[in-house]
Amino acid sequence: MVIPVRNEAGSLPKLMEELDAVIQRIPHPVEVIFVNDCSTDDSKPILDEYSLIYQFVSVIHSPKQMGQTGCYQVAFGKAKGKYIIRMDGDLQDDPHDLHKFVPYLEDGADLVMGLRELRKHKRLLRFASILYDSFVVLLFDSPLHTNTSSFIAFKSCFVKDIVFKKNDHRYLPVIAMERGARKIKEVIVVNRERLYGVSKYNNFKKMVFGIPEVIRFFARVKLGEFRTLSVSEEKT
């Protein structure tokens, strides 16, 4: 599991308490990699303490701010498991929903997308998400009901060993499918209110930069930047 963190000191105690309770009941080894993206609050000492208390926790401290894509780039290279689950560290994703992913992962799913139930976002942000999803369906024929969720599981082979560019974390489901993910499942997950901090990607940025960014990403896909894995690569 990979969780990027940027100034989430207020959220971390509750997040860690919930993760510990859930992971204790999962009948498989779980590794949680926190990536501290140059936080300026108390996130660093809090995460360092967790890495000493919890055997399943490891922490990466970035020496410079990388953004979410950079965090995933580093963490994916460190992750050891067959699957990687990504989630946010702001408490909007509920760790208790991890149990919904497990049966599909045990059954060999390539990708499991968390569909947010009753999203706790303002109208403009929900509209931006709908617009984005419409473009993804139009350009990539995505079978997913949404491509904007932060709570997703992948076979690690589909997202490892890629040199990501800025904001590629938003397209991880598409990248996985372009690389051969075919067994795709969806689960309904809770979307909670943000209790601390603010979103790093505001409504203005979503509306102004979102669609041109999708079109540029589409061009990269068509140029073959994310090649399909061979059968032998998928099994490794």
C-alpha atoms as a PDB file:
ATOM      1  CA  MET A   1       0.000   0.000   0.000  1.00  0.00           C
ATOM      2  CA  VAL A   2       1.317   3.443  -0.938  1.00  0.00           C
ATOM      3  CA  ILE A   3       0.143   6.646   0.768  1.00  0.00           C
ATOM      4  CA  PRO A   4       1.617  10.030  -0.233  1.00  0.00           C
ATOM      5  CA  VAL A   5       1.607  12.632   2.535  1.00  0.00           C
ATOM      6  CA  ARG A   6       1.932  16.402   2.331  1.00  0.00           C
ATOM      7  CA  ASN A   7       1.140  18.292   5.559  1.00  0.00           C
ATOM      8  CA  GLU A   8      -1.317  15.736   6.925  1.00  0.00           C
ATOM      9  CA  ALA A   9      -0.216  15.778  10.594  1.00  0.00           C
ATOM     10  CA  GLY A  10      -3.813  16.264  11.696  1.00  0.00           C
ATOM     11  CA  SER A  11      -5.052  13.241   9.755  1.00  0.00           C
ATOM     12  CA  LEU A  12      -2.242  10.774  10.458  1.00  0.00           C
ATOM     13  CA  PRO A  13      -3.166   9.597  14.000  1.00  0.00           C
ATOM     14  CA  LYS A  14      -6.693   8.555  13.000  1.00  0.00           C
ATOM     15  CA  LEU A  15      -5.475   7.122   9.701  1.00  0.00           C
ATOM     16  CA  MET A  16      -2.833   5.015  11.427  1.00  0.00           C
ATOM     17  CA  GLU A  17      -5.277   3.787  14.069  1.00  0.00           C
ATOM     18  CA  GLU A  18      -7.707   2.667  11.364  1.00  0.00           C
ATOM     19  CA  LEU A  19      -5.010   1.084   9.205  1.00  0.00           C
ATOM     20  CA  ASP A  20      -3.652  -0.918  12.125  1.00  0.00           C
ATOM     21  CA  ALA A  21      -7.102  -2.221  13.055  1.00  0.00           C
ATOM     22  CA  VAL A  22      -7.854  -3.273   9.475  1.00  0.00           C
ATOM     23  CA  ILE A  23      -4.477  -4.765   8.589  1.00  0.00           C
ATOM     24  CA  GLN A  24      -4.524  -6.964  11.684  1.00  0.00           C
ATOM     25  CA  ARG A  25      -7.554  -8.739  10.183  1.00  0.00           C
ATOM     26  CA  ILE A  26      -6.231  -9.188   6.636  1.00  0.00           C
ATOM     27  CA  PRO A  27      -4.901 -12.758   6.183  1.00  0.00           C
ATOM     28  CA  HIS A  28      -1.991 -11.654   3.977  1.00  0.00           C
ATOM     29  CA  PRO A  29       1.226  -9.712   4.568  1.00  0.00           C
ATOM     30  CA  VAL A  30       0.675  -5.992   4.063  1.00  0.00           C
ATOM     31  CA  GLU A  31       3.328  -3.326   3.616  1.00  0.00           C
ATOM     32  CA  VAL A  32       2.371   0.341   4.028  1.00  0.00           C
ATOM     33  CA  ILE A  33       4.752   2.831   2.416  1.00  0.00           C
ATOM     34  CA  PHE A  34       4.221   6.450   3.415  1.00  0.00           C
ATOM     35  CA  VAL A  35       5.940   9.004   1.187  1.00  0.00           C
ATOM     36  CA  ASN A  36       6.416  12.315   2.949  1.00  0.00           C
ATOM     37  CA  ASP A  37       6.431  14.940   0.209  1.00  0.00           C
ATOM     38  CA  CYS A  38       8.541  17.550   2.023  1.00  0.00           C
ATOM     39  CA  SER A  39       5.867  18.341   4.628  1.00  0.00           C
ATOM     40  CA  THR A  40       6.338  21.560   6.600  1.00  0.00           C
ATOM     41  CA  ASP A  41       4.168  20.488   9.561  1.00  0.00           C
ATOM     42  CA  ASP A  42       4.764  17.627  12.034  1.00  0.00           C
ATOM     43  CA  SER A  43       4.136  14.838   9.507  1.00  0.00           C
ATOM     44  CA  LYS A  44       7.806  13.793   9.432  1.00  0.00           C
ATOM     45  CA  PRO A  45       8.278  13.025  13.171  1.00  0.00           C
ATOM     46  CA  ILE A  46       4.839  11.414  13.323  1.00  0.00           C
ATOM     47  CA  LEU A  47       5.673   9.078  10.437  1.00  0.00           C
ATOM     48  CA  ASP A  48       9.097   8.296  11.876  1.00  0.00           C
ATOM     49  CA  GLU A  49       7.415   7.243  15.110  1.00  0.00           C
ATOM     50  CA  TYR A  50       4.986   4.985  13.241  1.00  0.00           C
ATOM     51  CA  SER A  51       7.862   3.293  11.388  1.00  0.00           C
ATOM     52  CA  LEU A  52       9.296   2.312  14.786  1.00  0.00           C
ATOM     53  CA  ILE A  53       5.999   1.156  16.291  1.00  0.00           C
ATOM     54  CA  TYR A  54       4.457  -0.735  13.360  1.00  0.00           C
ATOM     55  CA  GLN A  55       6.447  -3.434  11.577  1.00  0.00           C
ATOM     56  CA  PHE A  56       4.376  -3.084   8.411  1.00  0.00           C
ATOM     57  CA  VAL A  57       5.148   0.653   8.034  1.00  0.00           C
ATOM     58  CA  SER A  58       8.046   2.105   6.085  1.00  0.00           C
ATOM     59  CA  VAL A  59       8.597   5.790   5.396  1.00  0.00           C
ATOM     60  CA  ILE A  60      10.279   7.620   2.547  1.00  0.00           C
ATOM     61  CA  HIS A  61      11.134  11.283   3.129  1.00  0.00           C
ATOM     62  CA  SER A  62      11.594  13.231  -0.083  1.00  0.00           C
ATOM     63  CA  PRO A  63      14.382  15.852   0.057  1.00  0.00           C
ATOM     64  CA  LYS A  64      12.369  18.056  -2.297  1.00  0.00           C
ATOM     65  CA  GLN A  65       8.691  18.395  -3.113  1.00  0.00           C
ATOM     66  CA  MET A  66       7.761  15.907  -5.854  1.00  0.00           C
ATOM     67  CA  GLY A  67       3.972  16.000  -6.025  1.00  0.00           C
ATOM     68  CA  GLN A  68       1.872  12.844  -5.952  1.00  0.00           C
ATOM     69  CA  THR A  69       3.301  11.469  -9.185  1.00  0.00           C
ATOM     70  CA  GLY A  70       6.841  11.702  -7.837  1.00  0.00           C
ATOM     71  CA  CYS A  71       5.760  10.054  -4.590  1.00  0.00           C
ATOM     72  CA  TYR A  72       4.254   7.113  -6.448  1.00  0.00           C
ATOM     73  CA  GLN A  73       7.298   6.848  -8.720  1.00  0.00           C
ATOM     74  CA  VAL A  74       9.606   6.387  -5.724  1.00  0.00           C
ATOM     75  CA  ALA A  75       7.245   4.140  -3.729  1.00  0.00           C
ATOM     76  CA  PHE A  76       6.391   1.845  -6.645  1.00  0.00           C
ATOM     77  CA  GLY A  77      10.104   1.194  -7.043  1.00  0.00           C
ATOM     78  CA  LYS A  78      10.328   0.145  -3.373  1.00  0.00           C
ATOM     79  CA  ALA A  79       7.118  -1.897  -3.167  1.00  0.00           C
ATOM     80  CA  LYS A  80       7.715  -5.660  -2.969  1.00  0.00           C
ATOM     81  CA  GLY A  81       4.227  -7.174  -3.230  1.00  0.00           C
ATOM     82  CA  LYS A  82       2.329  -8.641  -6.155  1.00  0.00           C
ATOM     83  CA  TYR A  83      -0.261  -5.888  -5.690  1.00  0.00           C
ATOM     84  CA  ILE A  84      -0.016  -2.184  -4.972  1.00  0.00           C
ATOM     85  CA  ILE A  85      -2.918  -0.327  -3.388  1.00  0.00           C
ATOM     86  CA  ARG A  86      -2.857   3.450  -3.536  1.00  0.00           C
ATOM     87  CA  MET A  87      -4.902   5.668  -1.280  1.00  0.00           C
ATOM     88  CA  ASP A  88      -4.802   9.248  -0.020  1.00  0.00           C
ATOM     89  CA  GLY A  89      -3.666  10.256   3.434  1.00  0.00           C
ATOM     90  CA  ASP A  90      -6.356  12.870   4.103  1.00  0.00           C
ATOM     91  CA  LEU A  91      -8.962  10.474   5.631  1.00  0.00           C
ATOM     92  CA  GLN A  92     -11.379  10.803   2.726  1.00  0.00           C
ATOM     93  CA  ASP A  93     -10.548   7.197   1.820  1.00  0.00           C
ATOM     94  CA  ASP A  94     -11.669   4.811   4.571  1.00  0.00           C
ATOM     95  CA  PRO A  95      -9.131   2.054   5.391  1.00  0.00           C
ATOM     96  CA  HIS A  96     -12.001  -0.203   6.476  1.00  0.00           C
ATOM     97  CA  ASP A  97     -12.854  -0.550   2.782  1.00  0.00           C
ATOM     98  CA  LEU A  98      -9.656  -2.521   2.230  1.00  0.00           C
ATOM     99  CA  HIS A  99     -11.618  -5.685   2.994  1.00  0.00           C
ATOM    100  CA  LYS A 100     -13.701  -5.083  -0.126  1.00  0.00           C
ATOM    101  CA  PHE A 101     -10.601  -5.288  -2.318  1.00  0.00           C
ATOM    102  CA  VAL A 102      -9.142  -8.470  -0.827  1.00  0.00           C
ATOM    103  CA  PRO A 103     -11.506 -11.091  -2.403  1.00  0.00           C
ATOM    104  CA  TYR A 104     -10.884  -9.705  -5.889  1.00  0.00           C
ATOM    105  CA  LEU A 105      -7.117  -9.629  -5.359  1.00  0.00           C
ATOM    106  CA  GLU A 106      -7.235 -13.224  -4.108  1.00  0.00           C
ATOM    107  CA  ASP A 107      -9.111 -14.082  -7.321  1.00  0.00           C
ATOM    108  CA  GLY A 108      -6.340 -12.597  -9.464  1.00  0.00           C
ATOM    109  CA  ALA A 109      -7.856  -9.284 -10.565  1.00  0.00           C
ATOM    110  CA  ASP A 110      -5.514  -7.022 -12.525  1.00  0.00           C
ATOM    111  CA  LEU A 111      -7.101  -3.786 -11.323  1.00  0.00           C
ATOM    112  CA  VAL A 112      -9.711  -2.984  -8.674  1.00  0.00           C
ATOM    113  CA  MET A 113     -11.198   0.515  -8.685  1.00  0.00           C
ATOM    114  CA  GLY A 114     -12.883   2.047  -5.664  1.00  0.00           C
ATOM    115  CA  LEU A 115     -16.077   3.846  -6.686  1.00  0.00           C
ATOM    116  CA  ARG A 116     -16.801   6.673  -4.285  1.00  0.00           C
ATOM    117  CA  GLU A 117     -20.236   6.523  -2.704  1.00  0.00           C
ATOM    118  CA  LEU A 118     -21.987   9.878  -2.162  1.00  0.00           C
ATOM    119  CA  ARG A 119     -18.911  11.991  -2.861  1.00  0.00           C
ATOM    120  CA  LYS A 120     -18.346  14.725  -0.277  1.00  0.00           C
ATOM    121  CA  HIS A 121     -17.298  17.372  -2.772  1.00  0.00           C
ATOM    122  CA  LYS A 122     -18.783  20.657  -3.928  1.00  0.00           C
ATOM    123  CA  ARG A 123     -20.892  20.770  -7.069  1.00  0.00           C
ATOM    124  CA  LEU A 124     -18.179  22.329  -9.268  1.00  0.00           C
ATOM    125  CA  LEU A 125     -15.637  19.676  -8.327  1.00  0.00           C
ATOM    126  CA  ARG A 126     -18.137  16.883  -9.002  1.00  0.00           C
ATOM    127  CA  PHE A 127     -18.860  18.436 -12.402  1.00  0.00           C
ATOM    128  CA  ALA A 128     -15.125  18.578 -13.190  1.00  0.00           C
ATOM    129  CA  SER A 129     -14.802  14.884 -12.292  1.00  0.00           C
ATOM    130  CA  ILE A 130     -17.758  13.962 -14.520  1.00  0.00           C
ATOM    131  CA  LEU A 131     -16.256  15.962 -17.384  1.00  0.00           C
ATOM    132  CA  TYR A 132     -12.890  14.266 -16.925  1.00  0.00           C
ATOM    133  CA  ASP A 133     -14.466  10.794 -16.837  1.00  0.00           C
ATOM    134  CA  SER A 134     -16.392  11.590 -20.024  1.00  0.00           C
ATOM    135  CA  PHE A 135     -13.172  12.488 -21.828  1.00  0.00           C
ATOM    136  CA  VAL A 136     -11.441   9.333 -20.602  1.00  0.00           C
ATOM    137  CA  VAL A 137     -14.308   7.154 -21.849  1.00  0.00           C
ATOM    138  CA  LEU A 138     -14.321   8.995 -25.178  1.00  0.00           C
ATOM    139  CA  LEU A 139     -10.567   8.830 -25.743  1.00  0.00           C
ATOM    140  CA  PHE A 140      -9.650   5.509 -24.152  1.00  0.00           C
ATOM    141  CA  ASP A 141     -12.928   3.545 -24.109  1.00  0.00           C
ATOM    142  CA  SER A 142     -12.412   2.925 -20.395  1.00  0.00           C
ATOM    143  CA  PRO A 143     -14.770   0.272 -18.953  1.00  0.00           C
ATOM    144  CA  LEU A 144     -14.632   1.901 -15.497  1.00  0.00           C
ATOM    145  CA  HIS A 145     -17.505   3.938 -14.102  1.00  0.00           C
ATOM    146  CA  THR A 146     -14.971   6.461 -12.803  1.00  0.00           C
ATOM    147  CA  ASN A 147     -11.282   7.050 -13.403  1.00  0.00           C
ATOM    148  CA  THR A 148     -10.778   9.694 -10.703  1.00  0.00           C
ATOM    149  CA  SER A 149     -10.774   7.593  -7.540  1.00  0.00           C
ATOM    150  CA  SER A 150      -7.712   7.700  -5.276  1.00  0.00           C
ATOM    151  CA  PHE A 151      -8.449   4.253  -3.788  1.00  0.00           C
ATOM    152  CA  ILE A 152      -7.229   1.710  -6.352  1.00  0.00           C
ATOM    153  CA  ALA A 153      -5.419  -1.630  -6.427  1.00  0.00           C
ATOM    154  CA  PHE A 154      -3.201  -2.828  -9.280  1.00  0.00           C
ATOM    155  CA  LYS A 155      -1.010  -5.776 -10.026  1.00  0.00           C
ATOM    156  CA  SER A 156       2.346  -4.157  -9.435  1.00  0.00           C
ATOM    157  CA  CYS A 157       3.722  -5.270 -12.810  1.00  0.00           C
ATOM    158  CA  PHE A 158       1.359  -2.843 -14.555  1.00  0.00           C
ATOM    159  CA  VAL A 159       2.616   0.275 -12.747  1.00  0.00           C
ATOM    160  CA  LYS A 160       6.258  -0.538 -11.992  1.00  0.00           C
ATOM    161  CA  ASP A 161       9.319   0.345 -14.075  1.00  0.00           C
ATOM    162  CA  ILE A 162       7.708   3.351 -15.738  1.00  0.00           C
ATOM    163  CA  VAL A 163       9.246   6.813 -15.881  1.00  0.00           C
ATOM    164  CA  PHE A 164       6.242   8.957 -15.004  1.00  0.00           C
ATOM    165  CA  LYS A 165       5.728  12.557 -16.017  1.00  0.00           C
ATOM    166  CA  LYS A 166       3.975  15.255 -14.017  1.00  0.00           C
ATOM    167  CA  ASN A 167       0.434  14.296 -12.952  1.00  0.00           C
ATOM    168  CA  ASP A 168       0.612  10.790 -14.424  1.00  0.00           C
ATOM    169  CA  HIS A 169      -0.764   9.502 -11.101  1.00  0.00           C
ATOM    170  CA  ARG A 170      -4.183  10.672 -12.334  1.00  0.00           C
ATOM    171  CA  TYR A 171      -3.986   8.207 -15.211  1.00  0.00           C
ATOM    172  CA  LEU A 172      -2.751   5.102 -13.411  1.00  0.00           C
ATOM    173  CA  PRO A 173      -5.888   3.050 -14.251  1.00  0.00           C
ATOM    174  CA  VAL A 174      -5.523   3.944 -17.944  1.00  0.00           C
ATOM    175  CA  ILE A 175      -1.794   3.183 -17.843  1.00  0.00           C
ATOM    176  CA  ALA A 176      -2.485  -0.207 -16.254  1.00  0.00           C
ATOM    177  CA  MET A 177      -5.055  -1.018 -18.929  1.00  0.00           C
ATOM    178  CA  GLU A 178      -2.720   0.131 -21.695  1.00  0.00           C
ATOM    179  CA  ARG A 179      -0.104  -2.238 -20.272  1.00  0.00           C
ATOM    180  CA  GLY A 180      -2.452  -5.198 -20.353  1.00  0.00           C
ATOM    181  CA  ALA A 181      -4.745  -5.082 -17.313  1.00  0.00           C
ATOM    182  CA  ARG A 182      -7.893  -6.870 -18.465  1.00  0.00           C
ATOM    183  CA  LYS A 183      -9.429  -8.481 -15.389  1.00  0.00           C
ATOM    184  CA  ILE A 184     -11.005  -5.346 -13.943  1.00  0.00           C
ATOM    185  CA  LYS A 185     -13.315  -5.076 -10.953  1.00  0.00           C
ATOM    186  CA  GLU A 186     -15.023  -2.233  -9.073  1.00  0.00           C
ATOM    187  CA  VAL A 187     -16.027  -1.860  -5.429  1.00  0.00           C
ATOM    188  CA  ILE A 188     -18.105   0.805  -3.692  1.00  0.00           C
ATOM    189  CA  VAL A 189     -16.038   2.736  -1.158  1.00  0.00           C
ATOM    190  CA  VAL A 190     -16.895   5.424   1.365  1.00  0.00           C
ATOM    191  CA  ASN A 191     -15.892   9.003   0.611  1.00  0.00           C
ATOM    192  CA  ARG A 192     -15.557  10.957   3.852  1.00  0.00           C
ATOM    193  CA  GLU A 193     -15.357  14.661   4.555  1.00  0.00           C
ATOM    194  CA  ARG A 194     -11.870  16.136   4.715  1.00  0.00           C
ATOM    195  CA  LEU A 195     -11.288  17.092   8.350  1.00  0.00           C
ATOM    196  CA  TYR A 196      -7.872  18.733   8.091  1.00  0.00           C
ATOM    197  CA  GLY A 197      -6.012  20.752   5.491  1.00  0.00           C
ATOM    198  CA  VAL A 198      -7.085  21.609   1.961  1.00  0.00           C
ATOM    199  CA  SER A 199      -6.949  19.903  -1.408  1.00  0.00           C
ATOM    200  CA  LYS A 200      -3.671  20.381  -3.296  1.00  0.00           C
ATOM    201  CA  TYR A 201      -5.541  20.440  -6.625  1.00  0.00           C
ATOM    202  CA  ASN A 202      -8.262  23.102  -6.546  1.00  0.00           C
ATOM    203  CA  ASN A 203     -11.323  23.546  -8.742  1.00  0.00           C
ATOM    204  CA  PHE A 204      -9.726  26.230 -10.912  1.00  0.00           C
ATOM    205  CA  LYS A 205      -6.817  23.978 -11.824  1.00  0.00           C
ATOM    206  CA  LYS A 206      -9.151  21.070 -12.571  1.00  0.00           C
ATOM    207  CA  MET A 207     -11.280  23.128 -14.935  1.00  0.00           C
ATOM    208  CA  VAL A 208      -8.491  25.035 -16.724  1.00  0.00           C
ATOM    209  CA  PHE A 209      -5.732  22.458 -16.953  1.00  0.00           C
ATOM    210  CA  GLY A 210      -7.592  19.139 -16.731  1.00  0.00           C
ATOM    211  CA  ILE A 211      -8.881  18.642 -20.283  1.00  0.00           C
ATOM    212  CA  PRO A 212      -5.720  19.817 -22.126  1.00  0.00           C
ATOM    213  CA  GLU A 213      -3.734  17.513 -19.878  1.00  0.00           C
ATOM    214  CA  VAL A 214      -5.949  14.542 -20.789  1.00  0.00           C
ATOM    215  CA  ILE A 215      -5.461  15.290 -24.486  1.00  0.00           C
ATOM    216  CA  ARG A 216      -1.659  15.455 -24.084  1.00  0.00           C
ATOM    217  CA  PHE A 217      -1.725  12.167 -22.209  1.00  0.00           C
ATOM    218  CA  PHE A 218      -3.835  10.629 -24.995  1.00  0.00           C
ATOM    219  CA  ALA A 219      -1.167  11.649 -27.517  1.00  0.00           C
ATOM    220  CA  ARG A 220       1.527   9.973 -25.396  1.00  0.00           C
ATOM    221  CA  VAL A 221      -0.503   6.766 -25.272  1.00  0.00           C
ATOM    222  CA  LYS A 222      -1.001   6.758 -29.039  1.00  0.00           C
ATOM    223  CA  LEU A 223       2.743   7.261 -29.522  1.00  0.00           C
ATOM    224  CA  GLY A 224       3.290   4.012 -27.602  1.00  0.00           C
ATOM    225  CA  GLU A 225       4.793   5.465 -24.439  1.00  0.00           C
ATOM    226  CA  PHE A 226       3.037   2.816 -22.319  1.00  0.00           C
ATOM    227  CA  ARG A 227       3.628  -0.420 -24.162  1.00  0.00           C
ATOM    228  CA  THR A 228       1.607  -3.559 -23.447  1.00  0.00           C
ATOM    229  CA  LEU A 229       3.425  -6.096 -21.278  1.00  0.00           C
ATOM    230  CA  SER A 230       4.145  -9.519 -22.686  1.00  0.00           C
ATOM    231  CA  VAL A 231       2.607 -12.595 -21.036  1.00  0.00           C
ATOM    232  CA  SER A 232       5.957 -13.508 -19.467  1.00  0.00           C
ATOM    233  CA  GLU A 233       6.339 -10.010 -17.985  1.00  0.00           C
ATOM    234  CA  GLU A 234       2.869 -10.153 -16.433  1.00  0.00           C
ATOM    235  CA  LYS A 235       3.711 -13.425 -14.645  1.00  0.00           C
ATOM    236  CA  THR A 236       6.927 -12.108 -13.071  1.00  0.00           C
END
